[in-house]
Amino acid sequence: MSERIALPWPILIDANVQRAVGAVFGDLGADVVFVTDVFAESTEDAAIDRWARNQGRIIVGHDVRFLSVVQQNSYQFNLSVKSNYGRMMLCGRESDQAGRISSAASYLSTCHTWAWDNDRRFMVTIGDNWIRYDDEVLKRTPKMSRNHPETTLTK
């Protein structure tokens, strides 16, 4: 019999993430708050990010614009996961988000535990068939380009 995974983290679900993702986190023991329940629709991403830092919440987002913003140098962070702040960005098909969180829960728990034990940040990007965990500030960050946004890097 397998052990049930628990993710008892404070989570902030961005407006572009399906509510079903919040339900999955809630079922796994997370304290879930939805951006749409706290902020007006026109609230800037920077204000939401600041609130999440101050409240000690991991932001779960699925927004290409926000993802491109938070990958830039001015948004990089070295806050330890012990602050409860972090970021989890969902990529890929929206219809698969909740299932992807369910299937990745064990790995997410492992990354979070390792980050806690080693006083590192918690920054995870989850795609349809891949997961990337960044424990330090990126040395080179993507620069958006019309032709090849995924391959154009800046220092």
N, C-alpha and C. Protein backbone atom coordinates (compact mmCIF):
# COMPACT_ATOMS: atom_id res chain seq x y z
N MET A 1 0.85 -1.18 0.00
CA MET A 1 0.00 0.00 0.00
C MET A 1 0.89 1.24 0.00
N SER A 2 0.65 2.17 -0.92
CA SER A 2 1.49 3.35 -1.01
C SER A 2 1.04 4.41 0.00
N GLU A 3 2.02 5.18 0.44
CA GLU A 3 1.76 6.25 1.40
C GLU A 3 1.12 7.43 0.68
N ARG A 4 0.13 8.03 1.30
CA ARG A 4 -0.53 9.19 0.69
C ARG A 4 0.39 10.39 0.79
N ILE A 5 0.56 11.08 -0.32
CA ILE A 5 1.39 12.28 -0.38
C ILE A 5 0.62 13.45 0.23
N ALA A 6 1.30 14.23 1.05
CA ALA A 6 0.70 15.44 1.62
C ALA A 6 1.54 16.64 1.19
N LEU A 7 0.87 17.68 0.74
CA LEU A 7 1.54 18.93 0.37
C LEU A 7 0.89 20.05 1.18
N PRO A 8 1.22 20.15 2.47
CA PRO A 8 0.55 21.10 3.36
C PRO A 8 1.13 22.52 3.25
N TRP A 9 1.12 23.05 2.06
CA TRP A 9 1.74 24.34 1.80
C TRP A 9 0.69 25.43 1.64
N PRO A 10 1.08 26.69 1.91
CA PRO A 10 0.19 27.81 1.59
C PRO A 10 0.32 28.12 0.10
N ILE A 11 -0.79 28.01 -0.63
CA ILE A 11 -0.78 28.13 -2.09
C ILE A 11 -1.67 29.29 -2.52
N LEU A 12 -1.23 30.03 -3.53
CA LEU A 12 -2.04 31.07 -4.18
C LEU A 12 -2.23 30.64 -5.63
N ILE A 13 -3.46 30.35 -6.01
CA ILE A 13 -3.78 29.91 -7.36
C ILE A 13 -4.11 31.14 -8.20
N ASP A 14 -3.31 31.36 -9.26
CA ASP A 14 -3.49 32.51 -10.13
C ASP A 14 -4.80 32.39 -10.92
N ALA A 15 -5.25 33.52 -11.45
CA ALA A 15 -6.52 33.58 -12.17
C ALA A 15 -6.53 32.71 -13.42
N ASN A 16 -5.37 32.43 -14.00
CA ASN A 16 -5.30 31.66 -15.23
C ASN A 16 -5.16 30.16 -15.00
N VAL A 17 -5.33 29.73 -13.78
CA VAL A 17 -5.23 28.31 -13.45
C VAL A 17 -6.62 27.79 -13.13
N GLN A 18 -6.92 26.61 -13.62
CA GLN A 18 -8.22 26.01 -13.37
C GLN A 18 -8.45 25.81 -11.86
N ARG A 19 -9.66 26.05 -11.43
CA ARG A 19 -10.00 25.86 -10.02
C ARG A 19 -9.79 24.40 -9.59
N ALA A 20 -9.86 23.48 -10.54
CA ALA A 20 -9.63 22.06 -10.24
C ALA A 20 -8.22 21.84 -9.70
N VAL A 21 -7.26 22.67 -10.13
CA VAL A 21 -5.89 22.56 -9.61
C VAL A 21 -5.88 22.90 -8.13
N GLY A 22 -6.62 23.95 -7.76
CA GLY A 22 -6.74 24.31 -6.35
C GLY A 22 -7.37 23.19 -5.54
N ALA A 23 -8.37 22.53 -6.14
CA ALA A 23 -9.02 21.41 -5.45
C ALA A 23 -8.04 20.27 -5.22
N VAL A 24 -7.18 19.99 -6.20
CA VAL A 24 -6.18 18.93 -6.04
C VAL A 24 -5.23 19.29 -4.89
N PHE A 25 -4.73 20.53 -4.89
CA PHE A 25 -3.85 20.95 -3.80
C PHE A 25 -4.57 20.87 -2.46
N GLY A 26 -5.82 21.29 -2.42
CA GLY A 26 -6.61 21.21 -1.19
C GLY A 26 -6.75 19.78 -0.70
N ASP A 27 -7.01 18.85 -1.63
CA ASP A 27 -7.11 17.43 -1.26
C ASP A 27 -5.79 16.88 -0.72
N LEU A 28 -4.68 17.52 -1.14
CA LEU A 28 -3.36 17.08 -0.68
C LEU A 28 -2.93 17.81 0.60
N GLY A 29 -3.83 18.63 1.15
CA GLY A 29 -3.57 19.27 2.44
C GLY A 29 -3.11 20.71 2.37
N ALA A 30 -3.06 21.31 1.18
CA ALA A 30 -2.59 22.69 1.05
C ALA A 30 -3.67 23.67 1.53
N ASP A 31 -3.21 24.82 2.01
CA ASP A 31 -4.07 25.95 2.35
C ASP A 31 -4.17 26.78 1.08
N VAL A 32 -5.27 26.64 0.35
CA VAL A 32 -5.41 27.23 -0.98
C VAL A 32 -6.22 28.52 -0.95
N VAL A 33 -5.66 29.54 -1.60
CA VAL A 33 -6.35 30.81 -1.81
C VAL A 33 -6.31 31.09 -3.31
N PHE A 34 -7.43 31.57 -3.85
CA PHE A 34 -7.50 31.89 -5.27
C PHE A 34 -7.35 33.39 -5.48
N VAL A 35 -6.52 33.79 -6.45
CA VAL A 35 -6.32 35.20 -6.77
C VAL A 35 -7.67 35.88 -7.00
N THR A 36 -8.57 35.19 -7.70
CA THR A 36 -9.87 35.78 -8.02
C THR A 36 -10.74 36.04 -6.79
N ASP A 37 -10.41 35.41 -5.67
CA ASP A 37 -11.15 35.65 -4.42
C ASP A 37 -10.56 36.79 -3.59
N VAL A 38 -9.33 37.21 -3.95
CA VAL A 38 -8.62 38.21 -3.15
C VAL A 38 -8.43 39.53 -3.89
N PHE A 39 -8.24 39.46 -5.21
CA PHE A 39 -7.87 40.64 -6.00
C PHE A 39 -8.91 40.96 -7.07
N ALA A 40 -8.97 42.24 -7.43
CA ALA A 40 -9.77 42.67 -8.58
C ALA A 40 -9.13 42.14 -9.85
N GLU A 41 -9.93 41.98 -10.90
CA GLU A 41 -9.44 41.43 -12.15
C GLU A 41 -8.29 42.23 -12.75
N SER A 42 -8.25 43.52 -12.54
CA SER A 42 -7.23 44.39 -13.14
C SER A 42 -5.95 44.50 -12.33
N THR A 43 -5.81 43.75 -11.25
CA THR A 43 -4.63 43.84 -10.39
C THR A 43 -3.37 43.42 -11.15
N GLU A 44 -2.34 44.23 -11.03
CA GLU A 44 -1.07 43.97 -11.71
C GLU A 44 -0.38 42.74 -11.10
N ASP A 45 0.35 42.01 -11.96
CA ASP A 45 1.09 40.83 -11.51
C ASP A 45 2.07 41.15 -10.39
N ALA A 46 2.72 42.32 -10.46
CA ALA A 46 3.70 42.69 -9.43
C ALA A 46 3.04 42.80 -8.06
N ALA A 47 1.82 43.31 -8.00
CA ALA A 47 1.11 43.44 -6.73
C ALA A 47 0.74 42.07 -6.18
N ILE A 48 0.34 41.16 -7.06
CA ILE A 48 0.00 39.80 -6.65
C ILE A 48 1.25 39.09 -6.13
N ASP A 49 2.37 39.27 -6.85
CA ASP A 49 3.63 38.66 -6.43
C ASP A 49 4.07 39.19 -5.07
N ARG A 50 3.95 40.50 -4.87
CA ARG A 50 4.32 41.12 -3.59
C ARG A 50 3.47 40.57 -2.45
N TRP A 51 2.17 40.45 -2.70
CA TRP A 51 1.25 39.91 -1.69
C TRP A 51 1.63 38.49 -1.33
N ALA A 52 1.92 37.68 -2.34
CA ALA A 52 2.30 36.28 -2.09
C ALA A 52 3.58 36.21 -1.26
N ARG A 53 4.55 37.06 -1.55
CA ARG A 53 5.78 37.09 -0.74
C ARG A 53 5.47 37.47 0.70
N ASN A 54 4.67 38.52 0.87
CA ASN A 54 4.34 39.00 2.22
C ASN A 54 3.52 37.99 3.01
N GLN A 55 2.65 37.27 2.33
CA GLN A 55 1.80 36.27 2.97
C GLN A 55 2.48 34.91 3.10
N GLY A 56 3.62 34.73 2.41
CA GLY A 56 4.31 33.44 2.42
C GLY A 56 3.51 32.37 1.70
N ARG A 57 3.24 32.61 0.42
CA ARG A 57 2.47 31.65 -0.38
C ARG A 57 3.22 31.29 -1.66
N ILE A 58 3.07 30.07 -2.08
CA ILE A 58 3.61 29.61 -3.35
C ILE A 58 2.58 29.96 -4.42
N ILE A 59 3.00 30.74 -5.41
CA ILE A 59 2.11 31.11 -6.51
C ILE A 59 2.09 29.97 -7.53
N VAL A 60 0.90 29.54 -7.88
CA VAL A 60 0.73 28.55 -8.95
C VAL A 60 0.08 29.28 -10.11
N GLY A 61 0.82 29.40 -11.22
CA GLY A 61 0.33 30.16 -12.36
C GLY A 61 0.36 29.39 -13.67
N HIS A 62 -0.40 29.89 -14.63
CA HIS A 62 -0.40 29.35 -15.99
C HIS A 62 -0.66 30.53 -16.91
N ASP A 63 0.33 31.38 -17.03
CA ASP A 63 0.18 32.63 -17.75
C ASP A 63 1.50 32.92 -18.44
N VAL A 64 1.53 32.83 -19.75
CA VAL A 64 2.77 33.03 -20.50
C VAL A 64 3.36 34.40 -20.23
N ARG A 65 2.51 35.43 -20.14
CA ARG A 65 3.00 36.79 -19.89
C ARG A 65 3.65 36.86 -18.51
N PHE A 66 2.98 36.33 -17.49
CA PHE A 66 3.56 36.34 -16.14
C PHE A 66 4.82 35.50 -16.09
N LEU A 67 4.82 34.36 -16.76
CA LEU A 67 6.00 33.50 -16.79
C LEU A 67 7.17 34.25 -17.40
N SER A 68 6.95 34.97 -18.49
CA SER A 68 8.06 35.70 -19.12
C SER A 68 8.54 36.83 -18.22
N VAL A 69 7.63 37.45 -17.46
CA VAL A 69 8.01 38.52 -16.55
C VAL A 69 8.83 37.97 -15.38
N VAL A 70 8.34 36.93 -14.73
CA VAL A 70 9.01 36.44 -13.53
C VAL A 70 10.33 35.75 -13.82
N GLN A 71 10.61 35.44 -15.08
CA GLN A 71 11.90 34.85 -15.43
C GLN A 71 12.97 35.92 -15.64
N GLN A 72 12.59 37.18 -15.70
CA GLN A 72 13.56 38.24 -15.91
C GLN A 72 14.32 38.52 -14.62
N ASN A 73 15.51 39.09 -14.78
CA ASN A 73 16.41 39.28 -13.64
C ASN A 73 15.77 40.02 -12.47
N SER A 74 14.96 41.04 -12.75
CA SER A 74 14.39 41.83 -11.65
C SER A 74 13.40 41.03 -10.80
N TYR A 75 12.89 39.93 -11.30
CA TYR A 75 11.95 39.10 -10.55
C TYR A 75 12.60 37.85 -9.96
N GLN A 76 13.88 37.65 -10.20
CA GLN A 76 14.53 36.48 -9.63
C GLN A 76 14.54 36.62 -8.11
N PHE A 77 14.52 35.52 -7.43
CA PHE A 77 14.47 35.59 -5.98
C PHE A 77 15.35 34.50 -5.37
N ASN A 78 15.90 34.82 -4.24
CA ASN A 78 16.69 33.87 -3.49
C ASN A 78 16.07 33.60 -2.13
N LEU A 79 14.78 33.82 -2.01
CA LEU A 79 14.11 33.56 -0.75
C LEU A 79 14.02 32.06 -0.51
N SER A 80 14.43 31.65 0.65
CA SER A 80 14.35 30.24 1.01
C SER A 80 12.89 29.81 1.07
N VAL A 81 12.67 28.56 0.76
CA VAL A 81 11.32 28.00 0.87
C VAL A 81 10.81 28.11 2.31
N LYS A 82 11.70 28.31 3.25
CA LYS A 82 11.29 28.47 4.64
C LYS A 82 10.47 29.75 4.85
N SER A 83 10.51 30.66 3.88
CA SER A 83 9.66 31.85 3.92
C SER A 83 8.23 31.50 3.47
N ASN A 84 8.06 30.27 2.98
CA ASN A 84 6.83 29.74 2.39
C ASN A 84 6.53 30.32 1.01
N TYR A 85 7.35 31.26 0.53
CA TYR A 85 7.16 31.83 -0.81
C TYR A 85 7.83 30.93 -1.84
N GLY A 86 7.23 30.87 -3.00
CA GLY A 86 7.82 30.14 -4.11
C GLY A 86 6.94 30.32 -5.33
N ARG A 87 7.34 29.68 -6.40
CA ARG A 87 6.58 29.76 -7.64
C ARG A 87 6.48 28.40 -8.29
N MET A 88 5.31 28.12 -8.83
CA MET A 88 5.08 26.91 -9.58
C MET A 88 4.33 27.34 -10.84
N MET A 89 4.97 27.18 -11.99
CA MET A 89 4.38 27.60 -13.25
C MET A 89 3.95 26.38 -14.05
N LEU A 90 2.71 26.38 -14.49
CA LEU A 90 2.16 25.28 -15.28
C LEU A 90 2.23 25.65 -16.75
N CYS A 91 2.74 24.75 -17.55
CA CYS A 91 2.81 24.92 -19.00
C CYS A 91 2.04 23.79 -19.64
N GLY A 92 1.71 23.92 -20.88
CA GLY A 92 1.04 22.83 -21.57
C GLY A 92 -0.47 22.95 -21.57
N ARG A 93 -1.14 21.85 -21.82
CA ARG A 93 -2.59 21.83 -21.98
C ARG A 93 -3.31 22.11 -20.66
N GLU A 94 -4.19 23.08 -20.69
CA GLU A 94 -4.96 23.42 -19.50
C GLU A 94 -5.83 22.27 -19.02
N SER A 95 -6.33 21.48 -19.94
CA SER A 95 -7.22 20.38 -19.56
C SER A 95 -6.51 19.32 -18.72
N ASP A 96 -5.19 19.32 -18.74
CA ASP A 96 -4.41 18.32 -18.00
C ASP A 96 -3.81 18.82 -16.69
N GLN A 97 -4.03 20.08 -16.35
CA GLN A 97 -3.34 20.67 -15.20
C GLN A 97 -3.59 19.94 -13.89
N ALA A 98 -4.82 19.70 -13.55
CA ALA A 98 -5.14 19.05 -12.27
C ALA A 98 -4.54 17.65 -12.21
N GLY A 99 -4.68 16.89 -13.27
CA GLY A 99 -4.11 15.55 -13.33
C GLY A 99 -2.60 15.57 -13.25
N ARG A 100 -2.00 16.58 -13.86
CA ARG A 100 -0.54 16.70 -13.84
C ARG A 100 -0.05 16.97 -12.41
N ILE A 101 -0.75 17.81 -11.68
CA ILE A 101 -0.37 18.08 -10.29
C ILE A 101 -0.50 16.79 -9.48
N SER A 102 -1.59 16.07 -9.67
CA SER A 102 -1.78 14.80 -8.96
C SER A 102 -0.65 13.83 -9.24
N SER A 103 -0.29 13.69 -10.51
CA SER A 103 0.75 12.72 -10.87
C SER A 103 2.14 13.17 -10.44
N ALA A 104 2.33 14.48 -10.28
CA ALA A 104 3.65 15.00 -9.91
C ALA A 104 3.79 15.26 -8.41
N ALA A 105 2.76 14.98 -7.63
CA ALA A 105 2.76 15.33 -6.20
C ALA A 105 3.96 14.77 -5.45
N SER A 106 4.32 13.54 -5.71
CA SER A 106 5.45 12.93 -5.01
C SER A 106 6.76 13.66 -5.32
N TYR A 107 6.95 13.98 -6.60
CA TYR A 107 8.17 14.70 -7.00
C TYR A 107 8.17 16.11 -6.40
N LEU A 108 7.03 16.79 -6.44
CA LEU A 108 6.95 18.13 -5.85
C LEU A 108 7.27 18.10 -4.37
N SER A 109 6.78 17.08 -3.68
CA SER A 109 7.07 16.91 -2.26
C SER A 109 8.57 16.71 -2.04
N THR A 110 9.19 15.90 -2.88
CA THR A 110 10.64 15.66 -2.77
C THR A 110 11.43 16.95 -2.98
N CYS A 111 11.06 17.72 -4.01
CA CYS A 111 11.76 18.99 -4.28
C CYS A 111 11.59 19.96 -3.12
N HIS A 112 10.37 20.07 -2.60
CA HIS A 112 10.10 20.98 -1.49
C HIS A 112 10.88 20.57 -0.24
N THR A 113 10.90 19.28 0.06
CA THR A 113 11.64 18.79 1.22
C THR A 113 13.13 19.07 1.06
N TRP A 114 13.67 18.80 -0.12
CA TRP A 114 15.09 19.06 -0.36
C TRP A 114 15.39 20.55 -0.21
N ALA A 115 14.52 21.41 -0.78
CA ALA A 115 14.73 22.85 -0.67
C ALA A 115 14.69 23.29 0.80
N TRP A 116 13.76 22.73 1.56
CA TRP A 116 13.65 23.06 2.98
C TRP A 116 14.90 22.63 3.73
N ASP A 117 15.32 21.40 3.51
CA ASP A 117 16.50 20.85 4.21
C ASP A 117 17.78 21.58 3.87
N ASN A 118 17.85 22.17 2.67
CA ASN A 118 19.06 22.84 2.19
C ASN A 118 18.91 24.35 2.11
N ASP A 119 17.83 24.88 2.69
CA ASP A 119 17.58 26.31 2.77
C ASP A 119 17.65 26.96 1.38
N ARG A 120 16.94 26.36 0.40
CA ARG A 120 16.93 26.84 -0.98
C ARG A 120 15.56 27.36 -1.36
N ARG A 121 15.50 27.98 -2.50
CA ARG A 121 14.22 28.47 -3.00
C ARG A 121 13.42 27.33 -3.61
N PHE A 122 12.13 27.62 -3.86
CA PHE A 122 11.24 26.64 -4.48
C PHE A 122 10.65 27.26 -5.74
N MET A 123 11.16 26.83 -6.88
CA MET A 123 10.72 27.34 -8.19
C MET A 123 10.59 26.14 -9.12
N VAL A 124 9.36 25.81 -9.48
CA VAL A 124 9.10 24.63 -10.30
C VAL A 124 8.29 25.03 -11.53
N THR A 125 8.66 24.48 -12.67
CA THR A 125 7.90 24.66 -13.90
C THR A 125 7.47 23.27 -14.35
N ILE A 126 6.18 23.12 -14.65
CA ILE A 126 5.63 21.81 -14.97
C ILE A 126 5.00 21.84 -16.36
N GLY A 127 5.48 20.97 -17.23
CA GLY A 127 4.91 20.84 -18.57
C GLY A 127 4.11 19.56 -18.69
N ASP A 128 3.67 19.28 -19.91
CA ASP A 128 2.87 18.08 -20.15
C ASP A 128 3.62 16.80 -19.81
N ASN A 129 4.92 16.76 -20.10
CA ASN A 129 5.69 15.54 -19.85
C ASN A 129 7.07 15.82 -19.26
N TRP A 130 7.20 16.94 -18.55
CA TRP A 130 8.47 17.29 -17.93
C TRP A 130 8.22 18.19 -16.71
N ILE A 131 9.19 18.19 -15.81
CA ILE A 131 9.17 19.08 -14.64
C ILE A 131 10.58 19.62 -14.46
N ARG A 132 10.67 20.90 -14.19
CA ARG A 132 11.98 21.53 -13.97
C ARG A 132 11.95 22.23 -12.62
N TYR A 133 12.95 21.93 -11.80
CA TYR A 133 13.09 22.57 -10.49
C TYR A 133 14.37 23.40 -10.53
N ASP A 134 14.27 24.69 -10.18
CA ASP A 134 15.42 25.59 -10.13
C ASP A 134 15.66 25.99 -8.69
N ASP A 135 16.78 25.55 -8.12
CA ASP A 135 17.05 25.86 -6.72
C ASP A 135 17.83 27.15 -6.52
N GLU A 136 18.35 27.72 -7.59
CA GLU A 136 19.08 28.98 -7.52
C GLU A 136 18.58 29.93 -8.60
N VAL A 137 18.97 31.19 -8.47
CA VAL A 137 18.63 32.18 -9.48
C VAL A 137 19.24 31.74 -10.80
N LEU A 138 18.45 31.87 -11.87
CA LEU A 138 18.95 31.49 -13.19
C LEU A 138 20.10 32.39 -13.60
N LYS A 139 21.14 31.80 -14.14
CA LYS A 139 22.30 32.58 -14.60
C LYS A 139 21.99 33.30 -15.90
N ARG A 140 21.20 32.66 -16.74
CA ARG A 140 20.75 33.27 -17.99
C ARG A 140 19.24 33.11 -18.04
N THR A 141 18.57 34.19 -18.37
CA THR A 141 17.11 34.12 -18.40
C THR A 141 16.61 34.30 -19.82
N PRO A 142 15.48 33.69 -20.14
CA PRO A 142 14.94 33.81 -21.50
C PRO A 142 14.56 35.25 -21.83
N LYS A 143 14.88 35.65 -23.01
CA LYS A 143 14.46 36.94 -23.54
C LYS A 143 13.45 36.63 -24.63
N MET A 144 12.27 37.20 -24.52
CA MET A 144 11.22 36.88 -25.47
C MET A 144 11.60 37.35 -26.87
N SER A 145 11.44 36.47 -27.83
CA SER A 145 11.74 36.75 -29.22
C SER A 145 10.59 36.20 -30.06
N ARG A 146 10.22 36.91 -31.08
CA ARG A 146 9.13 36.44 -31.93
C ARG A 146 9.43 35.10 -32.58
N ASN A 147 10.65 34.92 -33.05
CA ASN A 147 10.98 33.73 -33.81
C ASN A 147 11.23 32.50 -32.94
N HIS A 148 11.99 32.67 -31.88
CA HIS A 148 12.36 31.53 -31.03
C HIS A 148 12.45 31.95 -29.57
N PRO A 149 11.29 32.21 -28.92
CA PRO A 149 11.34 32.69 -27.53
C PRO A 149 11.99 31.70 -26.58
N GLU A 150 11.93 30.43 -26.89
CA GLU A 150 12.48 29.44 -25.96
C GLU A 150 13.99 29.31 -26.06
N THR A 151 14.62 29.89 -27.08
CA THR A 151 16.05 29.70 -27.24
C THR A 151 16.87 30.97 -27.13
N THR A 152 16.24 32.12 -27.07
CA THR A 152 16.96 33.38 -26.97
C THR A 152 17.23 33.68 -25.51
N LEU A 153 18.50 33.74 -25.12
CA LEU A 153 18.87 33.93 -23.72
C LEU A 153 19.59 35.24 -23.52
N THR A 154 19.45 35.80 -22.31
CA THR A 154 20.21 36.99 -21.93
C THR A 154 20.99 36.66 -20.68
N LYS A 155 22.03 37.42 -20.45
CA LYS A 155 22.82 37.21 -19.22
C LYS A 155 22.44 38.22 -18.19
